[in-house]
N, C-alpha and C. Protein backbone atom coordinates (compact mmCIF):
# COMPACT_ATOMS: atom_id res chain seq x y z
N UNK A 1 -74.31 33.13 -40.62
CA UNK A 1 -75.11 33.86 -40.68
C UNK A 1 -75.27 34.78 -39.55
N UNK A 2 -75.76 36.19 -40.24
CA UNK A 2 -75.45 37.45 -39.18
C UNK A 2 -76.87 37.60 -38.57
N UNK A 3 -76.66 37.71 -37.20
CA UNK A 3 -77.92 38.11 -36.45
C UNK A 3 -77.94 39.34 -35.85
N UNK A 4 -78.78 40.30 -36.56
CA UNK A 4 -79.16 41.35 -36.18
C UNK A 4 -80.41 41.50 -35.35
N UNK A 5 -80.16 42.76 -33.66
CA UNK A 5 -81.11 42.82 -33.09
C UNK A 5 -81.61 44.44 -32.66
N UNK A 6 -82.47 45.00 -32.55
CA UNK A 6 -82.90 46.02 -32.50
C UNK A 6 -83.21 46.08 -30.97
N UNK A 7 -83.51 47.28 -30.89
CA UNK A 7 -83.60 48.06 -29.71
C UNK A 7 -85.39 48.73 -29.24
N UNK A 8 -86.03 47.77 -29.11
CA UNK A 8 -87.09 48.61 -28.79
C UNK A 8 -87.69 49.21 -27.72
N UNK A 9 -86.78 49.42 -26.73
CA UNK A 9 -86.58 50.19 -25.53
C UNK A 9 -87.27 51.85 -25.73
N UNK A 10 -88.12 51.92 -25.45
CA UNK A 10 -88.46 53.22 -25.65
C UNK A 10 -88.00 54.41 -24.69
N UNK A 11 -88.08 55.80 -24.74
CA UNK A 11 -88.15 56.42 -23.71
C UNK A 11 -89.11 57.03 -23.15
N UNK A 12 -89.35 57.69 -21.72
CA UNK A 12 -90.04 58.56 -21.27
C UNK A 12 -91.06 59.62 -22.83
N UNK A 13 -90.34 60.20 -22.99
CA UNK A 13 -90.38 61.35 -24.37
C UNK A 13 -90.92 60.56 -25.18
N UNK A 14 -90.61 59.70 -25.80
CA UNK A 14 -91.11 59.20 -26.68
C UNK A 14 -92.76 58.34 -26.40
N UNK A 15 -92.67 57.57 -25.47
CA UNK A 15 -94.01 57.04 -25.20
C UNK A 15 -94.90 58.20 -24.92
N UNK A 16 -94.43 58.90 -24.16
CA UNK A 16 -95.56 60.43 -24.52
C UNK A 16 -96.07 60.89 -24.98
N UNK A 17 -95.29 61.17 -26.48
CA UNK A 17 -95.17 61.68 -27.40
C UNK A 17 -96.41 60.49 -28.42
N UNK A 18 -95.63 59.52 -28.10
CA UNK A 18 -96.90 58.30 -29.10
C UNK A 18 -98.14 57.93 -28.38
N UNK A 19 -98.13 58.26 -26.93
CA UNK A 19 -99.49 57.53 -26.37
C UNK A 19 -100.63 58.83 -26.58
N UNK A 20 -99.57 60.14 -26.31
CA UNK A 20 -100.81 61.55 -26.79
C UNK A 20 -101.23 61.82 -28.06
N UNK A 21 -100.14 61.38 -29.20
CA UNK A 21 -100.31 61.53 -30.46
C UNK A 21 -101.60 60.65 -30.89
N UNK A 22 -101.66 59.11 -30.26
CA UNK A 22 -103.09 57.98 -30.59
C UNK A 22 -103.75 58.67 -29.96
N UNK A 23 -103.80 59.71 -28.64
CA UNK A 23 -105.44 60.08 -28.31
C UNK A 23 -105.89 61.25 -29.19
N UNK A 24 -104.97 61.63 -29.52
CA UNK A 24 -105.70 62.77 -30.54
C UNK A 24 -105.79 62.52 -31.70
N UNK A 25 -105.58 61.46 -32.41
CA UNK A 25 -106.14 60.83 -33.50
C UNK A 25 -107.46 60.20 -32.89
N UNK A 26 -107.85 59.60 -31.82
CA UNK A 26 -109.18 59.02 -31.55
C UNK A 26 -109.72 60.48 -31.11
N UNK A 27 -109.63 61.54 -30.34
CA UNK A 27 -109.98 62.54 -30.06
C UNK A 27 -111.09 63.56 -31.45
N UNK A 28 -110.10 63.32 -32.35
CA UNK A 28 -110.04 63.92 -33.96
C UNK A 28 -111.25 63.02 -34.19
N UNK A 29 -111.16 62.08 -33.96
CA UNK A 29 -112.48 61.11 -34.81
C UNK A 29 -113.57 61.25 -34.14
N UNK A 30 -113.21 61.14 -32.58
CA UNK A 30 -114.43 61.27 -32.10
C UNK A 30 -115.89 63.26 -32.57
N UNK A 31 -114.42 63.70 -32.07
CA UNK A 31 -115.05 65.04 -33.07
C UNK A 31 -115.23 65.38 -33.95
N UNK A 32 -115.39 64.47 -35.72
CA UNK A 32 -115.77 64.64 -36.08
C UNK A 32 -117.39 64.14 -36.16
N UNK A 33 -117.24 62.92 -35.75
CA UNK A 33 -118.80 61.98 -34.96
C UNK A 33 -119.68 63.13 -34.86
N UNK A 34 -119.23 63.28 -33.34
CA UNK A 34 -119.93 64.83 -32.60
C UNK A 34 -120.68 65.89 -33.93
N UNK A 35 -120.37 66.27 -34.16
CA UNK A 35 -120.01 67.73 -35.05
C UNK A 35 -121.40 67.12 -36.74
N UNK A 36 -121.24 65.85 -36.59
CA UNK A 36 -122.09 64.92 -37.47
C UNK A 36 -123.26 64.94 -37.12
N UNK A 37 -123.33 64.67 -35.18
CA UNK A 37 -124.63 64.27 -34.62
C UNK A 37 -124.94 65.57 -34.74
N UNK A 38 -124.51 66.90 -33.99
CA UNK A 38 -125.16 68.21 -34.36
C UNK A 38 -126.02 68.50 -35.68
N UNK A 39 -125.01 68.06 -36.54
CA UNK A 39 -125.62 68.35 -38.03
C UNK A 39 -127.17 68.06 -38.19
N UNK A 40 -127.36 66.62 -37.48
CA UNK A 40 -128.06 66.22 -38.06
C UNK A 40 -129.46 66.30 -36.99
N UNK A 41 -128.97 66.60 -35.61
CA UNK A 41 -130.15 66.98 -34.89
C UNK A 41 -130.71 68.65 -34.76
N UNK A 42 -129.95 69.18 -35.03
CA UNK A 42 -130.16 70.62 -35.58
C UNK A 42 -131.22 70.95 -35.92
N UNK A 43 -131.79 70.52 -36.67
CA UNK A 43 -133.42 70.60 -37.42
C UNK A 43 -134.37 70.40 -36.71
N UNK A 44 -134.17 69.27 -35.88
CA UNK A 44 -135.74 69.13 -34.64
C UNK A 44 -135.27 69.74 -33.44
N UNK A 45 -134.43 69.85 -33.17
CA UNK A 45 -133.98 70.62 -31.67
C UNK A 45 -134.60 72.59 -32.19
N UNK A 46 -134.47 72.94 -33.83
CA UNK A 46 -134.81 74.11 -33.60
C UNK A 46 -136.48 74.34 -33.89
N UNK A 47 -136.75 73.25 -34.49
CA UNK A 47 -138.40 73.15 -34.21
C UNK A 47 -138.90 73.04 -33.17
N UNK A 48 -138.43 72.09 -32.21
CA UNK A 48 -138.83 72.14 -31.09
C UNK A 48 -138.69 73.16 -29.84
N UNK A 49 -137.47 74.01 -29.86
CA UNK A 49 -137.23 75.22 -28.91
C UNK A 49 -138.31 76.87 -29.72
N UNK A 50 -139.00 76.28 -30.59
CA UNK A 50 -139.43 77.94 -31.40
C UNK A 50 -138.70 79.52 -30.74
N UNK A 51 -139.05 80.15 -29.80
CA UNK A 51 -138.52 80.93 -29.79
C UNK A 51 -136.86 80.99 -28.85
N UNK A 52 -137.37 79.46 -27.96
CA UNK A 52 -136.32 79.62 -26.69
C UNK A 52 -136.88 79.06 -25.70
N UNK A 53 -136.23 78.37 -24.93
CA UNK A 53 -136.96 77.87 -23.84
C UNK A 53 -135.63 77.07 -22.80
N UNK A 54 -136.17 76.75 -21.68
CA UNK A 54 -135.21 76.45 -20.58
C UNK A 54 -135.80 75.08 -20.39
N UNK A 55 -134.27 74.30 -20.32
CA UNK A 55 -134.52 72.73 -20.24
C UNK A 55 -133.29 72.58 -18.69
N UNK A 56 -133.97 71.42 -18.68
CA UNK A 56 -132.91 70.91 -17.20
C UNK A 56 -132.62 69.62 -17.80
N UNK A 57 -131.01 69.88 -17.53
CA UNK A 57 -130.26 68.92 -18.10
C UNK A 57 -129.18 68.29 -17.13
N UNK A 58 -129.40 67.01 -16.40
CA UNK A 58 -129.37 66.94 -14.83
C UNK A 58 -129.48 67.93 -14.02
N UNK A 59 -128.21 68.23 -13.68
CA UNK A 59 -128.79 69.35 -12.53
C UNK A 59 -129.12 70.77 -12.70
N UNK A 60 -128.62 70.86 -13.55
CA UNK A 60 -128.57 72.53 -14.30
C UNK A 60 -129.92 72.96 -14.95
N UNK A 61 -129.89 73.70 -15.00
CA UNK A 61 -130.85 74.30 -16.08
C UNK A 61 -130.15 75.24 -17.23
N UNK A 62 -130.52 74.77 -18.24
CA UNK A 62 -129.94 75.44 -19.68
C UNK A 62 -131.04 76.52 -20.75
N UNK A 63 -130.13 77.44 -21.08
CA UNK A 63 -131.26 77.84 -22.00
C UNK A 63 -131.15 77.27 -23.27
N UNK A 64 -131.90 77.09 -24.55
CA UNK A 64 -131.54 76.82 -25.64
C UNK A 64 -132.40 77.67 -26.38
N UNK A 65 -131.90 78.00 -27.33
CA UNK A 65 -132.87 79.39 -28.70
C UNK A 65 -131.95 79.05 -29.95
N UNK A 66 -132.28 79.65 -30.68
CA UNK A 66 -132.35 79.90 -32.00
C UNK A 66 -131.23 81.22 -32.23
N UNK A 67 -130.37 81.16 -33.34
CA UNK A 67 -129.28 82.00 -33.47
C UNK A 67 -129.01 82.45 -34.67
N UNK A 68 -127.99 82.71 -35.24
CA UNK A 68 -127.78 83.40 -36.42
C UNK A 68 -126.65 83.10 -36.30
N UNK A 69 -125.73 82.55 -37.82
CA UNK A 69 -124.43 83.02 -38.35
C UNK A 69 -124.14 83.87 -39.47
N UNK A 70 -123.91 84.89 -39.98
CA UNK A 70 -123.08 84.93 -41.44
C UNK A 70 -122.23 84.34 -41.72
N UNK A 71 -122.41 84.39 -43.03
CA UNK A 71 -121.56 84.36 -43.65
C UNK A 71 -121.38 85.15 -44.82
N UNK A 72 -120.43 86.37 -45.23
CA UNK A 72 -120.61 87.12 -46.17
C UNK A 72 -119.57 86.03 -47.55
N UNK A 73 -119.65 86.81 -48.67
CA UNK A 73 -119.24 86.07 -49.54
C UNK A 73 -119.02 87.17 -50.87
N UNK A 74 -118.05 87.28 -51.35
CA UNK A 74 -117.64 88.53 -52.48
C UNK A 74 -118.18 88.05 -53.83
N UNK A 75 -118.92 88.38 -54.38
CA UNK A 75 -119.51 88.06 -55.80
C UNK A 75 -118.53 89.23 -56.54
N UNK A 76 -117.26 89.59 -56.51
CA UNK A 76 -116.87 90.16 -57.69
C UNK A 76 -115.89 89.88 -57.51
N UNK A 77 -115.23 90.45 -58.08
CA UNK A 77 -113.31 90.08 -58.30
C UNK A 77 -112.23 91.21 -57.27
N UNK A 78 -111.26 90.61 -57.17
CA UNK A 78 -110.70 91.85 -56.80
C UNK A 78 -109.74 93.10 -56.92
N UNK A 79 -109.93 93.02 -58.27
CA UNK A 79 -109.75 94.17 -58.92
C UNK A 79 -111.09 94.99 -58.70
N UNK A 80 -112.44 94.21 -58.76
CA UNK A 80 -113.08 95.20 -58.60
C UNK A 80 -113.81 95.71 -57.40
N UNK A 81 -113.17 95.07 -56.57
CA UNK A 81 -113.28 95.61 -54.79
C UNK A 81 -112.43 96.89 -54.39
N UNK A 82 -110.86 96.25 -54.82
CA UNK A 82 -110.01 96.79 -55.00
C UNK A 82 -110.04 99.11 -55.56
N UNK A 83 -110.46 98.86 -56.54
CA UNK A 83 -111.26 100.17 -56.93
C UNK A 83 -112.17 100.47 -56.17
N UNK A 84 -113.64 99.61 -55.73
CA UNK A 84 -114.49 100.30 -55.19
C UNK A 84 -113.97 101.22 -53.83
N UNK A 85 -112.74 99.99 -52.77
CA UNK A 85 -112.58 100.48 -51.73
C UNK A 85 -111.48 102.06 -52.18
N UNK A 86 -110.80 102.13 -52.94
CA UNK A 86 -110.07 103.30 -53.30
C UNK A 86 -111.06 104.40 -54.08
N UNK A 87 -112.21 104.15 -54.57
CA UNK A 87 -112.94 105.79 -54.80
C UNK A 87 -113.77 105.88 -53.70
N UNK A 88 -114.04 104.72 -52.40
CA UNK A 88 -114.86 104.94 -51.73
C UNK A 88 -114.09 105.50 -49.63
N UNK A 89 -112.69 105.42 -50.37
CA UNK A 89 -111.53 105.75 -49.17
C UNK A 89 -111.87 104.73 -47.91
N UNK A 90 -111.96 103.60 -48.88
CA UNK A 90 -111.67 102.28 -47.89
C UNK A 90 -110.55 101.56 -47.75
N UNK A 91 -110.22 101.22 -46.43
CA UNK A 91 -108.97 100.04 -46.31
C UNK A 91 -108.98 99.26 -47.11
N UNK A 92 -107.42 98.92 -47.82
CA UNK A 92 -107.47 97.55 -48.11
C UNK A 92 -106.02 97.20 -48.45
N UNK A 93 -105.62 95.95 -48.87
CA UNK A 93 -104.09 95.96 -48.77
C UNK A 93 -103.30 96.04 -49.78
N UNK A 94 -102.06 96.17 -49.62
CA UNK A 94 -100.86 95.68 -50.85
C UNK A 94 -100.44 94.78 -50.52
N UNK A 95 -99.77 93.77 -51.48
CA UNK A 95 -99.16 93.31 -51.27
C UNK A 95 -97.64 93.28 -52.95
N UNK A 96 -98.41 91.84 -53.80
CA UNK A 96 -97.33 92.05 -55.38
C UNK A 96 -98.54 92.78 -55.48
N UNK A 97 -99.97 92.68 -55.44
CA UNK A 97 -101.29 93.11 -56.24
C UNK A 97 -101.71 93.72 -55.26
N UNK A 98 -102.46 94.17 -55.33
CA UNK A 98 -103.54 95.03 -54.24
C UNK A 98 -104.53 93.86 -54.28
N UNK A 99 -105.14 94.28 -53.24
CA UNK A 99 -106.07 93.04 -52.95
C UNK A 99 -107.17 93.85 -51.29
N UNK A 100 -107.84 93.43 -51.76
CA UNK A 100 -108.77 93.43 -50.23
C UNK A 100 -108.59 92.02 -49.59
N UNK A 101 -108.52 91.72 -48.75
CA UNK A 101 -108.81 90.66 -47.75
C UNK A 101 -109.61 90.22 -46.86
N UNK A 102 -110.36 89.20 -46.99
CA UNK A 102 -111.49 88.62 -46.81
C UNK A 102 -111.79 89.59 -44.69
N UNK A 103 -111.57 89.27 -44.34
CA UNK A 103 -111.15 90.00 -42.92
C UNK A 103 -111.59 91.39 -43.56
N UNK A 104 -110.99 92.30 -43.79
CA UNK A 104 -111.50 93.67 -44.35
C UNK A 104 -112.05 93.70 -44.88
N UNK A 105 -112.39 92.84 -45.91
CA UNK A 105 -114.11 92.77 -47.04
C UNK A 105 -114.95 92.94 -46.18
N UNK A 106 -115.23 91.63 -45.02
CA UNK A 106 -116.59 91.41 -44.19
C UNK A 106 -116.58 92.97 -42.99
N UNK A 107 -115.77 93.12 -43.01
CA UNK A 107 -115.49 94.15 -42.18
C UNK A 107 -116.18 95.41 -42.70
N UNK A 108 -115.97 95.85 -43.96
CA UNK A 108 -116.67 96.93 -44.59
C UNK A 108 -118.14 96.43 -45.26
N UNK A 109 -118.41 95.23 -45.38
CA UNK A 109 -119.60 94.90 -45.59
C UNK A 109 -120.20 95.34 -43.82
N UNK A 110 -119.80 94.48 -42.69
CA UNK A 110 -120.54 94.99 -41.89
C UNK A 110 -120.64 96.40 -41.11
N UNK A 111 -119.94 97.52 -41.77
CA UNK A 111 -119.78 98.59 -41.63
C UNK A 111 -121.22 99.37 -42.65
N UNK A 112 -121.50 98.67 -43.38
CA UNK A 112 -122.27 98.93 -44.32
C UNK A 112 -121.96 100.13 -45.32
N UNK A 113 -120.49 100.04 -45.49
CA UNK A 113 -119.70 100.68 -46.67
C UNK A 113 -119.49 100.00 -47.75
N UNK A 114 -119.74 98.95 -48.54
CA UNK A 114 -119.66 98.00 -49.22
C UNK A 114 -120.77 98.29 -49.90
N UNK A 115 -120.97 98.34 -51.30
CA UNK A 115 -121.94 98.53 -52.22
C UNK A 115 -122.80 96.90 -52.25
N UNK A 116 -123.79 97.08 -52.28
CA UNK A 116 -124.68 95.58 -51.66
C UNK A 116 -124.13 94.62 -52.90
N UNK A 117 -124.09 95.04 -54.05
CA UNK A 117 -124.14 94.48 -55.56
C UNK A 117 -122.23 93.60 -55.16
N UNK A 118 -121.55 94.06 -54.10
CA UNK A 118 -120.58 93.27 -54.79
C UNK A 118 -120.09 91.95 -53.48
N UNK A 119 -121.22 91.47 -52.75
CA UNK A 119 -121.56 90.69 -52.12
C UNK A 119 -122.34 90.28 -51.91
N UNK A 120 -122.68 88.94 -51.16
CA UNK A 120 -123.98 88.68 -50.70
C UNK A 120 -123.81 88.47 -49.26
N UNK A 121 -124.96 88.12 -48.28
CA UNK A 121 -124.65 87.15 -46.65
C UNK A 121 -125.73 86.20 -47.04
N UNK A 122 -124.85 85.33 -46.72
CA UNK A 122 -126.13 83.90 -46.11
C UNK A 122 -125.87 83.55 -44.78
N UNK A 123 -127.49 83.87 -44.25
CA UNK A 123 -127.57 83.71 -42.43
C UNK A 123 -127.95 82.31 -42.66
N UNK A 124 -127.90 81.65 -41.33
CA UNK A 124 -128.05 80.00 -40.85
C UNK A 124 -128.39 80.72 -39.68
N UNK A 125 -129.53 79.87 -39.67
CA UNK A 125 -130.01 79.73 -38.21
C UNK A 125 -129.28 78.71 -37.47
N UNK A 126 -128.56 79.03 -36.32
CA UNK A 126 -128.33 77.30 -35.56
C UNK A 126 -128.85 77.82 -34.20
N UNK A 127 -128.54 76.71 -33.01
CA UNK A 127 -129.29 76.22 -31.90
C UNK A 127 -128.22 76.97 -31.14
N UNK A 128 -127.99 77.90 -30.56
CA UNK A 128 -127.05 78.18 -29.22
C UNK A 128 -127.93 77.63 -27.24
N UNK A 129 -126.48 77.16 -26.93
CA UNK A 129 -127.30 77.05 -25.65
C UNK A 129 -126.32 77.75 -24.67
N UNK A 130 -126.67 78.12 -23.70
CA UNK A 130 -126.49 79.03 -22.81
C UNK A 130 -126.17 78.25 -21.23
């Protein structure tokens, strides 16, 4: 019979790596849970704060007020966006095929350079804590 033994000793680097990896997994799971809780509380808080209000949390006075987030969605295909940019002297990208990158498209929309039929803007009200 052959007896096989294994070396289960770790090095500092291996131990640190495994511990940090475990900690990262724990933090990631907690962050997901916090995000869910915030999403559930947001409508209630928005209703309670009106146009905004100061609140004392612990020993600090914080301001809680509504804010907005914009999400720009393109409603046209790449070629339509490229053609529009060419016709109006707007910047666009060239790679294997010409296209307008999302950040470039959003910049054109925000500057008022894009035609409204090429995009839609979704505005979401959020809670801003200062």
